[in-house]
Amino acid sequence: TESKHRRGGGDLQARNTELVSAVTGSPLTAVLPVIGKKNIVLSKETKKEVANQAEVNKEERRALIDERYKYLISRLADGIGLSEQQVEEAIISDEQFQLVEQFFAPSGLKKLLFFYQDILQQKSNASLKSDGSTNSYLQKKLFITMGFTEDFTGTCAFFLRTSDKVINASNVSQELNFGMFDCTNGSILQGLEFFLSQVMIPALKSQQNWGAVKEGLRNSHIQDFLYSVDKFVGNLSSSRQNIEDKIQLRKVDVDIYISNLQNPSDYITAG
């Protein structure tokens, strides 16, 4: 039993060493100490190596910044209200940085999303407390996302492709559409209502070129379409107000009703 325990501990330490080696990109000569069952305490040397590798990655990404990236950075800075330096730093520090290159590639991603919202951050000098909690705080952060895993609680800035062409410095402003969607405090319906009523509908009603439809806004099909969009926004607004003002959920104590049910016939009658 004792030999099995030693082998089990050795296997766990080996796995932990392999994990950090994958992060740093280089093998470690020392076995990492293990605290408890889940937590790994990294040495100062290992932390420094991880930080150095992160800086190397950032500088390699910074070298890729060209007119395409500068266009994205400029639009994001103007829309969100950050400086271009802040936006650039956020992009090159992001673990999803490769999504930008996939977006620029021929027949690449059709959308590129950025969330700017409060994220729970852990203080760098915080240690794990005895109850498992940590010192943490909320901080605004700009990050790249596919929109599938993170909850949307702030502002979404998005870029959409209009073709499958490769995005280069000469066509980036023509091939990409930029927009923003506000969901401050998690009010998605209100954000959608504002986006449609204050951005999309005015833009559609001022559209001069409707492709093959030569009459433009005078065409009956275009008029029907705009009417439908207006009606949808009106219904959305009414539904949102009804939900916010009239529907209130309250807790019901079901024990009062269940305690009086003694036999199968009582359950049948209650149903």
C-alpha atoms as a PDB file:
ATOM      1  CA  THR A   1       0.000   0.000   0.000  1.00  0.00           C
ATOM      2  CA  GLU A   2       2.822   2.389   0.899  1.00  0.00           C
ATOM      3  CA  SER A   3       4.582   1.759  -2.434  1.00  0.00           C
ATOM      4  CA  LYS A   4       1.341   2.367  -4.336  1.00  0.00           C
ATOM      5  CA  HIS A   5       0.889   5.660  -2.467  1.00  0.00           C
ATOM      6  CA  ARG A   6       4.407   6.770  -3.395  1.00  0.00           C
ATOM      7  CA  ARG A   7       3.822   5.868  -7.026  1.00  0.00           C
ATOM      8  CA  GLY A   8       0.451   7.698  -7.043  1.00  0.00           C
ATOM      9  CA  GLY A   9       2.017  10.837  -5.609  1.00  0.00           C
ATOM     10  CA  GLY A  10       4.857  10.623  -8.108  1.00  0.00           C
ATOM     11  CA  ASP A  11       2.405  10.285 -11.005  1.00  0.00           C
ATOM     12  CA  LEU A  12       0.455  13.340  -9.808  1.00  0.00           C
ATOM     13  CA  GLN A  13       3.613  15.427  -9.483  1.00  0.00           C
ATOM     14  CA  ALA A  14       4.745  14.289 -12.937  1.00  0.00           C
ATOM     15  CA  ARG A  15       1.430  15.380 -14.436  1.00  0.00           C
ATOM     16  CA  ASN A  16       1.702  18.743 -12.685  1.00  0.00           C
ATOM     17  CA  THR A  17       5.230  19.183 -14.042  1.00  0.00           C
ATOM     18  CA  GLU A  18       4.058  18.365 -17.572  1.00  0.00           C
ATOM     19  CA  LEU A  19       1.217  20.885 -17.225  1.00  0.00           C
ATOM     20  CA  VAL A  20       3.519  23.772 -16.339  1.00  0.00           C
ATOM     21  CA  SER A  21       6.021  22.672 -18.993  1.00  0.00           C
ATOM     22  CA  ALA A  22       3.245  23.004 -21.592  1.00  0.00           C
ATOM     23  CA  VAL A  23       2.465  26.524 -20.381  1.00  0.00           C
ATOM     24  CA  THR A  24       6.046  27.736 -20.312  1.00  0.00           C
ATOM     25  CA  GLY A  25       7.180  25.922 -23.445  1.00  0.00           C
ATOM     26  CA  SER A  26      10.227  24.435 -21.712  1.00  0.00           C
ATOM     27  CA  PRO A  27      10.889  21.437 -19.445  1.00  0.00           C
ATOM     28  CA  LEU A  28      11.224  21.895 -15.699  1.00  0.00           C
ATOM     29  CA  THR A  29      14.052  20.290 -13.780  1.00  0.00           C
ATOM     30  CA  ALA A  30      12.372  20.503 -10.388  1.00  0.00           C
ATOM     31  CA  VAL A  31       9.228  18.704  -9.288  1.00  0.00           C
ATOM     32  CA  LEU A  32       6.475  21.129  -8.275  1.00  0.00           C
ATOM     33  CA  PRO A  33       5.185  20.803  -4.700  1.00  0.00           C
ATOM     34  CA  VAL A  34       1.535  19.836  -4.434  1.00  0.00           C
ATOM     35  CA  ILE A  35      -0.725  21.402  -1.805  1.00  0.00           C
ATOM     36  CA  GLY A  36      -3.852  19.414  -1.013  1.00  0.00           C
ATOM     37  CA  LYS A  37      -5.528  17.640  -3.926  1.00  0.00           C
ATOM     38  CA  LYS A  38      -6.113  20.414  -6.470  1.00  0.00           C
ATOM     39  CA  ASN A  39      -3.759  23.345  -5.905  1.00  0.00           C
ATOM     40  CA  ILE A  40      -0.284  23.680  -7.394  1.00  0.00           C
ATOM     41  CA  VAL A  41       2.167  26.105  -5.805  1.00  0.00           C
ATOM     42  CA  LEU A  42       4.600  27.430  -8.391  1.00  0.00           C
ATOM     43  CA  SER A  43       8.094  28.476  -7.444  1.00  0.00           C
ATOM     44  CA  LYS A  44       9.240  32.055  -8.012  1.00  0.00           C
ATOM     45  CA  GLU A  45      11.439  30.858 -10.872  1.00  0.00           C
ATOM     46  CA  THR A  46       8.525  29.128 -12.570  1.00  0.00           C
ATOM     47  CA  LYS A  47       6.248  32.158 -12.164  1.00  0.00           C
ATOM     48  CA  LYS A  48       8.946  34.347 -13.641  1.00  0.00           C
ATOM     49  CA  GLU A  49       9.384  31.980 -16.572  1.00  0.00           C
ATOM     50  CA  VAL A  50       5.642  31.955 -17.252  1.00  0.00           C
ATOM     51  CA  ALA A  51       5.553  35.759 -17.122  1.00  0.00           C
ATOM     52  CA  ASN A  52       8.540  36.019 -19.448  1.00  0.00           C
ATOM     53  CA  GLN A  53       6.933  33.662 -21.957  1.00  0.00           C
ATOM     54  CA  ALA A  54       3.741  35.730 -21.848  1.00  0.00           C
ATOM     55  CA  GLU A  55       5.756  38.850 -22.657  1.00  0.00           C
ATOM     56  CA  VAL A  56       7.453  37.072 -25.557  1.00  0.00           C
ATOM     57  CA  ASN A  57       4.049  36.051 -26.931  1.00  0.00           C
ATOM     58  CA  LYS A  58       2.778  39.627 -26.643  1.00  0.00           C
ATOM     59  CA  GLU A  59       5.776  41.049 -28.500  1.00  0.00           C
ATOM     60  CA  GLU A  60       5.423  38.459 -31.264  1.00  0.00           C
ATOM     61  CA  ARG A  61       1.771  39.447 -31.659  1.00  0.00           C
ATOM     62  CA  ARG A  62       2.619  43.141 -31.520  1.00  0.00           C
ATOM     63  CA  ALA A  63       4.912  42.596 -34.504  1.00  0.00           C
ATOM     64  CA  LEU A  64       1.881  41.388 -36.484  1.00  0.00           C
ATOM     65  CA  ILE A  65      -0.006  44.659 -35.989  1.00  0.00           C
ATOM     66  CA  ASP A  66      -0.533  46.170 -39.450  1.00  0.00           C
ATOM     67  CA  GLU A  67      -3.138  48.404 -41.082  1.00  0.00           C
ATOM     68  CA  ARG A  68      -5.819  45.724 -40.706  1.00  0.00           C
ATOM     69  CA  TYR A  69      -5.311  45.521 -36.947  1.00  0.00           C
ATOM     70  CA  LYS A  70      -4.999  49.292 -36.683  1.00  0.00           C
ATOM     71  CA  TYR A  71      -8.401  49.644 -38.353  1.00  0.00           C
ATOM     72  CA  LEU A  72      -9.995  47.289 -35.799  1.00  0.00           C
ATOM     73  CA  ILE A  73      -8.208  49.010 -32.932  1.00  0.00           C
ATOM     74  CA  SER A  74      -9.290  52.475 -34.085  1.00  0.00           C
ATOM     75  CA  ARG A  75     -12.964  51.485 -34.409  1.00  0.00           C
ATOM     76  CA  LEU A  76     -12.975  49.728 -31.044  1.00  0.00           C
ATOM     77  CA  ALA A  77     -11.294  52.653 -29.296  1.00  0.00           C
ATOM     78  CA  ASP A  78     -13.796  55.135 -30.727  1.00  0.00           C
ATOM     79  CA  GLY A  79     -16.816  52.954 -29.975  1.00  0.00           C
ATOM     80  CA  ILE A  80     -15.959  51.795 -26.463  1.00  0.00           C
ATOM     81  CA  GLY A  81     -14.166  54.915 -25.266  1.00  0.00           C
ATOM     82  CA  LEU A  82     -10.700  53.493 -24.628  1.00  0.00           C
ATOM     83  CA  SER A  83      -7.374  54.690 -25.986  1.00  0.00           C
ATOM     84  CA  GLU A  84      -5.875  52.873 -28.969  1.00  0.00           C
ATOM     85  CA  GLN A  85      -2.964  51.795 -26.748  1.00  0.00           C
ATOM     86  CA  GLN A  86      -5.376  50.182 -24.273  1.00  0.00           C
ATOM     87  CA  VAL A  87      -7.203  48.334 -27.045  1.00  0.00           C
ATOM     88  CA  GLU A  88      -3.952  47.109 -28.629  1.00  0.00           C
ATOM     89  CA  GLU A  89      -2.688  45.842 -25.276  1.00  0.00           C
ATOM     90  CA  ALA A  90      -5.961  43.990 -24.659  1.00  0.00           C
ATOM     91  CA  ILE A  91      -5.852  42.308 -28.080  1.00  0.00           C
ATOM     92  CA  ILE A  92      -2.229  41.130 -27.955  1.00  0.00           C
ATOM     93  CA  SER A  93      -2.736  39.849 -24.391  1.00  0.00           C
ATOM     94  CA  ASP A  94      -5.839  37.847 -25.307  1.00  0.00           C
ATOM     95  CA  GLU A  95      -5.719  34.048 -25.376  1.00  0.00           C
ATOM     96  CA  GLN A  96      -8.110  34.138 -28.356  1.00  0.00           C
ATOM     97  CA  PHE A  97      -5.760  36.305 -30.438  1.00  0.00           C
ATOM     98  CA  GLN A  98      -5.677  33.711 -33.232  1.00  0.00           C
ATOM     99  CA  LEU A  99      -9.350  34.411 -33.979  1.00  0.00           C
ATOM    100  CA  VAL A 100      -8.344  37.753 -35.507  1.00  0.00           C
ATOM    101  CA  GLU A 101      -6.087  36.054 -38.057  1.00  0.00           C
ATOM    102  CA  GLN A 102      -8.818  33.512 -38.788  1.00  0.00           C
ATOM    103  CA  PHE A 103     -11.191  36.410 -39.385  1.00  0.00           C
ATOM    104  CA  PHE A 104      -8.796  38.054 -41.876  1.00  0.00           C
ATOM    105  CA  ALA A 105      -8.110  34.817 -43.811  1.00  0.00           C
ATOM    106  CA  PRO A 106      -9.824  34.053 -47.143  1.00  0.00           C
ATOM    107  CA  SER A 107     -13.189  32.368 -46.475  1.00  0.00           C
ATOM    108  CA  GLY A 108     -12.438  32.893 -42.794  1.00  0.00           C
ATOM    109  CA  LEU A 109     -14.675  33.591 -39.825  1.00  0.00           C
ATOM    110  CA  LYS A 110     -17.756  35.646 -40.696  1.00  0.00           C
ATOM    111  CA  LYS A 111     -17.783  37.511 -37.397  1.00  0.00           C
ATOM    112  CA  LEU A 112     -15.362  38.806 -34.802  1.00  0.00           C
ATOM    113  CA  LEU A 113     -16.804  39.711 -31.395  1.00  0.00           C
ATOM    114  CA  PHE A 114     -15.389  41.783 -28.558  1.00  0.00           C
ATOM    115  CA  PHE A 115     -17.019  42.000 -25.127  1.00  0.00           C
ATOM    116  CA  TYR A 116     -16.287  44.932 -22.830  1.00  0.00           C
ATOM    117  CA  GLN A 117     -17.696  44.231 -19.384  1.00  0.00           C
ATOM    118  CA  ASP A 118     -16.963  43.539 -15.734  1.00  0.00           C
ATOM    119  CA  ILE A 119     -14.854  40.426 -15.170  1.00  0.00           C
ATOM    120  CA  LEU A 120     -14.039  38.875 -11.806  1.00  0.00           C
ATOM    121  CA  GLN A 121     -10.300  39.307 -11.243  1.00  0.00           C
ATOM    122  CA  GLN A 122      -8.107  37.824  -8.513  1.00  0.00           C
ATOM    123  CA  LYS A 123      -5.587  40.026  -6.763  1.00  0.00           C
ATOM    124  CA  SER A 124      -2.066  39.069  -7.766  1.00  0.00           C
ATOM    125  CA  ASN A 125      -0.871  38.821  -4.165  1.00  0.00           C
ATOM    126  CA  ALA A 126      -3.950  37.001  -2.909  1.00  0.00           C
ATOM    127  CA  SER A 127      -3.388  33.641  -1.249  1.00  0.00           C
ATOM    128  CA  LEU A 128      -5.890  30.829  -0.966  1.00  0.00           C
ATOM    129  CA  LYS A 129      -7.859  31.121   2.248  1.00  0.00           C
ATOM    130  CA  SER A 130      -8.666  28.174   4.496  1.00  0.00           C
ATOM    131  CA  ASP A 131     -12.280  28.133   3.287  1.00  0.00           C
ATOM    132  CA  GLY A 132     -11.192  28.022  -0.365  1.00  0.00           C
ATOM    133  CA  SER A 133     -12.170  31.627  -1.133  1.00  0.00           C
ATOM    134  CA  THR A 134      -9.857  34.224  -2.667  1.00  0.00           C
ATOM    135  CA  ASN A 135      -9.592  37.979  -2.670  1.00  0.00           C
ATOM    136  CA  SER A 136     -11.229  39.063  -5.934  1.00  0.00           C
ATOM    137  CA  TYR A 137     -12.796  42.145  -7.489  1.00  0.00           C
ATOM    138  CA  LEU A 138     -14.700  43.222 -10.599  1.00  0.00           C
ATOM    139  CA  GLN A 139     -12.833  45.073 -13.338  1.00  0.00           C
ATOM    140  CA  LYS A 140     -13.801  46.207 -16.839  1.00  0.00           C
ATOM    141  CA  LYS A 141     -12.073  44.133 -19.480  1.00  0.00           C
ATOM    142  CA  LEU A 142     -12.040  44.051 -23.278  1.00  0.00           C
ATOM    143  CA  PHE A 143     -11.666  40.551 -24.683  1.00  0.00           C
ATOM    144  CA  ILE A 144     -12.185  38.525 -27.866  1.00  0.00           C
ATOM    145  CA  THR A 145     -14.930  35.905 -27.843  1.00  0.00           C
ATOM    146  CA  MET A 146     -16.995  33.638 -30.050  1.00  0.00           C
ATOM    147  CA  GLY A 147     -20.022  34.499 -27.914  1.00  0.00           C
ATOM    148  CA  PHE A 148     -20.815  30.925 -26.878  1.00  0.00           C
ATOM    149  CA  THR A 149     -19.316  30.502 -23.409  1.00  0.00           C
ATOM    150  CA  GLU A 150     -19.279  33.895 -21.684  1.00  0.00           C
ATOM    151  CA  ASP A 151     -22.355  35.585 -20.247  1.00  0.00           C
ATOM    152  CA  PHE A 152     -23.066  38.872 -22.035  1.00  0.00           C
ATOM    153  CA  THR A 153     -23.537  41.631 -19.434  1.00  0.00           C
ATOM    154  CA  GLY A 154     -21.883  44.731 -20.930  1.00  0.00           C
ATOM    155  CA  THR A 155     -21.082  46.015 -24.407  1.00  0.00           C
ATOM    156  CA  CYS A 156     -20.515  43.900 -27.522  1.00  0.00           C
ATOM    157  CA  ALA A 157     -18.536  45.367 -30.428  1.00  0.00           C
ATOM    158  CA  PHE A 158     -18.659  43.291 -33.603  1.00  0.00           C
ATOM    159  CA  PHE A 159     -17.101  43.157 -37.059  1.00  0.00           C
ATOM    160  CA  LEU A 160     -18.872  41.352 -39.910  1.00  0.00           C
ATOM    161  CA  ARG A 161     -17.414  40.275 -43.248  1.00  0.00           C
ATOM    162  CA  THR A 162     -19.269  41.124 -46.442  1.00  0.00           C
ATOM    163  CA  SER A 163     -17.431  38.586 -48.664  1.00  0.00           C
ATOM    164  CA  ASP A 164     -15.029  35.636 -48.615  1.00  0.00           C
ATOM    165  CA  LYS A 165     -12.102  37.734 -49.857  1.00  0.00           C
ATOM    166  CA  VAL A 166      -8.872  37.848 -47.903  1.00  0.00           C
ATOM    167  CA  ILE A 167      -8.859  40.951 -45.711  1.00  0.00           C
ATOM    168  CA  ASN A 168      -5.828  43.122 -46.445  1.00  0.00           C
ATOM    169  CA  ALA A 169      -4.693  46.673 -45.754  1.00  0.00           C
ATOM    170  CA  SER A 170      -6.297  48.051 -48.913  1.00  0.00           C
ATOM    171  CA  ASN A 171      -9.800  46.595 -48.519  1.00  0.00           C
ATOM    172  CA  VAL A 172     -10.291  46.302 -44.748  1.00  0.00           C
ATOM    173  CA  SER A 173     -12.529  49.376 -44.528  1.00  0.00           C
ATOM    174  CA  GLN A 174     -14.669  48.256 -47.494  1.00  0.00           C
ATOM    175  CA  GLU A 175     -15.042  44.573 -46.601  1.00  0.00           C
ATOM    176  CA  LEU A 176     -15.876  44.913 -42.902  1.00  0.00           C
ATOM    177  CA  ASN A 177     -18.934  46.277 -41.144  1.00  0.00           C
ATOM    178  CA  PHE A 178     -18.637  47.464 -37.554  1.00  0.00           C
ATOM    179  CA  GLY A 179     -21.372  47.758 -34.975  1.00  0.00           C
ATOM    180  CA  MET A 180     -22.047  47.775 -31.241  1.00  0.00           C
ATOM    181  CA  PHE A 181     -24.710  46.283 -29.013  1.00  0.00           C
ATOM    182  CA  ASP A 182     -25.209  47.530 -25.458  1.00  0.00           C
ATOM    183  CA  CYS A 183     -26.416  45.196 -22.725  1.00  0.00           C
ATOM    184  CA  THR A 184     -25.440  47.190 -19.643  1.00  0.00           C
ATOM    185  CA  ASN A 185     -26.611  45.554 -16.400  1.00  0.00           C
ATOM    186  CA  GLY A 186     -27.677  42.476 -18.374  1.00  0.00           C
ATOM    187  CA  SER A 187     -30.741  44.083 -20.003  1.00  0.00           C
ATOM    188  CA  ILE A 188     -30.531  42.246 -23.331  1.00  0.00           C
ATOM    189  CA  LEU A 189     -34.057  43.107 -24.479  1.00  0.00           C
ATOM    190  CA  GLN A 190     -33.529  46.812 -23.848  1.00  0.00           C
ATOM    191  CA  GLY A 191     -30.189  46.668 -25.657  1.00  0.00           C
ATOM    192  CA  LEU A 192     -31.765  44.935 -28.642  1.00  0.00           C
ATOM    193  CA  GLU A 193     -34.630  47.432 -28.721  1.00  0.00           C
ATOM    194  CA  PHE A 194     -32.235  50.383 -28.689  1.00  0.00           C
ATOM    195  CA  PHE A 195     -30.001  48.821 -31.353  1.00  0.00           C
ATOM    196  CA  LEU A 196     -32.883  48.226 -33.739  1.00  0.00           C
ATOM    197  CA  SER A 197     -34.804  51.452 -33.134  1.00  0.00           C
ATOM    198  CA  GLN A 198     -31.896  53.879 -32.886  1.00  0.00           C
ATOM    199  CA  VAL A 199     -29.327  52.282 -35.216  1.00  0.00           C
ATOM    200  CA  MET A 200     -30.674  49.745 -37.692  1.00  0.00           C
ATOM    201  CA  ILE A 201     -34.064  51.229 -38.618  1.00  0.00           C
ATOM    202  CA  PRO A 202     -32.746  54.790 -39.205  1.00  0.00           C
ATOM    203  CA  ALA A 203     -29.934  53.305 -41.289  1.00  0.00           C
ATOM    204  CA  LEU A 204     -32.376  51.244 -43.365  1.00  0.00           C
ATOM    205  CA  LYS A 205     -34.732  54.161 -43.914  1.00  0.00           C
ATOM    206  CA  SER A 206     -31.864  56.318 -45.173  1.00  0.00           C
ATOM    207  CA  GLN A 207     -30.497  53.569 -47.437  1.00  0.00           C
ATOM    208  CA  GLN A 208     -30.247  54.776 -51.039  1.00  0.00           C
ATOM    209  CA  ASN A 209     -28.963  51.622 -52.732  1.00  0.00           C
ATOM    210  CA  TRP A 210     -31.164  48.505 -52.466  1.00  0.00           C
ATOM    211  CA  GLY A 211     -29.323  46.441 -55.049  1.00  0.00           C
ATOM    212  CA  ALA A 212     -31.591  45.071 -57.787  1.00  0.00           C
ATOM    213  CA  VAL A 213     -34.583  46.982 -56.401  1.00  0.00           C
ATOM    214  CA  LYS A 214     -34.313  50.156 -58.457  1.00  0.00           C
ATOM    215  CA  GLU A 215     -37.194  52.024 -56.843  1.00  0.00           C
ATOM    216  CA  GLY A 216     -35.563  51.750 -53.419  1.00  0.00           C
ATOM    217  CA  LEU A 217     -37.779  53.028 -50.616  1.00  0.00           C
ATOM    218  CA  ARG A 218     -40.678  53.525 -53.043  1.00  0.00           C
ATOM    219  CA  ASN A 219     -40.854  49.792 -53.713  1.00  0.00           C
ATOM    220  CA  SER A 220     -43.827  48.122 -52.004  1.00  0.00           C
ATOM    221  CA  HIS A 221     -41.741  45.143 -50.828  1.00  0.00           C
ATOM    222  CA  ILE A 222     -39.214  47.443 -49.174  1.00  0.00           C
ATOM    223  CA  GLN A 223     -42.022  49.380 -47.517  1.00  0.00           C
ATOM    224  CA  ASP A 224     -43.581  46.140 -46.226  1.00  0.00           C
ATOM    225  CA  PHE A 225     -40.207  45.046 -44.876  1.00  0.00           C
ATOM    226  CA  LEU A 226     -39.638  48.316 -43.013  1.00  0.00           C
ATOM    227  CA  TYR A 227     -43.177  48.195 -41.646  1.00  0.00           C
ATOM    228  CA  SER A 228     -42.547  44.661 -40.326  1.00  0.00           C
ATOM    229  CA  VAL A 229     -39.329  45.753 -38.625  1.00  0.00           C
ATOM    230  CA  ASP A 230     -41.089  48.739 -37.029  1.00  0.00           C
ATOM    231  CA  LYS A 231     -43.886  46.451 -35.828  1.00  0.00           C
ATOM    232  CA  PHE A 232     -41.387  43.966 -34.388  1.00  0.00           C
ATOM    233  CA  VAL A 233     -39.625  46.718 -32.408  1.00  0.00           C
ATOM    234  CA  GLY A 234     -42.991  47.927 -31.097  1.00  0.00           C
ATOM    235  CA  ASN A 235     -43.921  44.414 -29.953  1.00  0.00           C
ATOM    236  CA  LEU A 236     -40.463  43.987 -28.412  1.00  0.00           C
ATOM    237  CA  SER A 237     -40.852  47.225 -26.467  1.00  0.00           C
ATOM    238  CA  SER A 238     -44.307  46.246 -25.175  1.00  0.00           C
ATOM    239  CA  SER A 239     -43.146  42.781 -24.145  1.00  0.00           C
ATOM    240  CA  ARG A 240     -40.107  44.192 -22.358  1.00  0.00           C
ATOM    241  CA  GLN A 241     -42.198  46.690 -20.408  1.00  0.00           C
ATOM    242  CA  ASN A 242     -44.700  43.985 -19.460  1.00  0.00           C
ATOM    243  CA  ILE A 243     -41.926  41.748 -18.187  1.00  0.00           C
ATOM    244  CA  GLU A 244     -40.238  44.532 -16.226  1.00  0.00           C
ATOM    245  CA  ASP A 245     -43.387  46.092 -14.743  1.00  0.00           C
ATOM    246  CA  LYS A 246     -46.036  43.405 -14.327  1.00  0.00           C
ATOM    247  CA  ILE A 247     -44.541  39.940 -13.994  1.00  0.00           C
ATOM    248  CA  GLN A 248     -43.289  39.321 -10.479  1.00  0.00           C
ATOM    249  CA  LEU A 249     -42.207  35.922  -9.217  1.00  0.00           C
ATOM    250  CA  ARG A 250     -42.699  35.046  -5.579  1.00  0.00           C
ATOM    251  CA  LYS A 251     -41.602  32.091  -3.570  1.00  0.00           C
ATOM    252  CA  VAL A 252     -44.291  29.516  -2.778  1.00  0.00           C
ATOM    253  CA  ASP A 253     -43.978  27.288   0.273  1.00  0.00           C
ATOM    254  CA  VAL A 254     -44.990  23.897  -1.140  1.00  0.00           C
ATOM    255  CA  ASP A 255     -44.445  22.128   2.195  1.00  0.00           C
ATOM    256  CA  ILE A 256     -47.824  23.392   3.388  1.00  0.00           C
ATOM    257  CA  TYR A 257     -49.599  21.531   0.587  1.00  0.00           C
ATOM    258  CA  ILE A 258     -47.447  18.405   0.539  1.00  0.00           C
ATOM    259  CA  SER A 259     -47.738  17.825   4.282  1.00  0.00           C
ATOM    260  CA  ASN A 260     -51.501  17.276   3.916  1.00  0.00           C
ATOM    261  CA  LEU A 261     -51.126  14.508   1.338  1.00  0.00           C
ATOM    262  CA  GLN A 262     -51.329  11.166   3.110  1.00  0.00           C
ATOM    263  CA  ASN A 263     -52.292   8.520   0.520  1.00  0.00           C
ATOM    264  CA  PRO A 264     -52.462   8.045  -3.305  1.00  0.00           C
ATOM    265  CA  SER A 265     -56.050   9.330  -3.492  1.00  0.00           C
ATOM    266  CA  ASP A 266     -54.931  12.647  -1.951  1.00  0.00           C
ATOM    267  CA  TYR A 267     -52.318  13.054  -4.686  1.00  0.00           C
ATOM    268  CA  ILE A 268     -54.908  12.274  -7.386  1.00  0.00           C
ATOM    269  CA  THR A 269     -57.315  14.831  -5.955  1.00  0.00           C
ATOM    270  CA  ALA A 270     -54.590  17.474  -5.690  1.00  0.00           C
ATOM    271  CA  GLY A 271     -53.588  16.881  -9.322  1.00  0.00           C
END
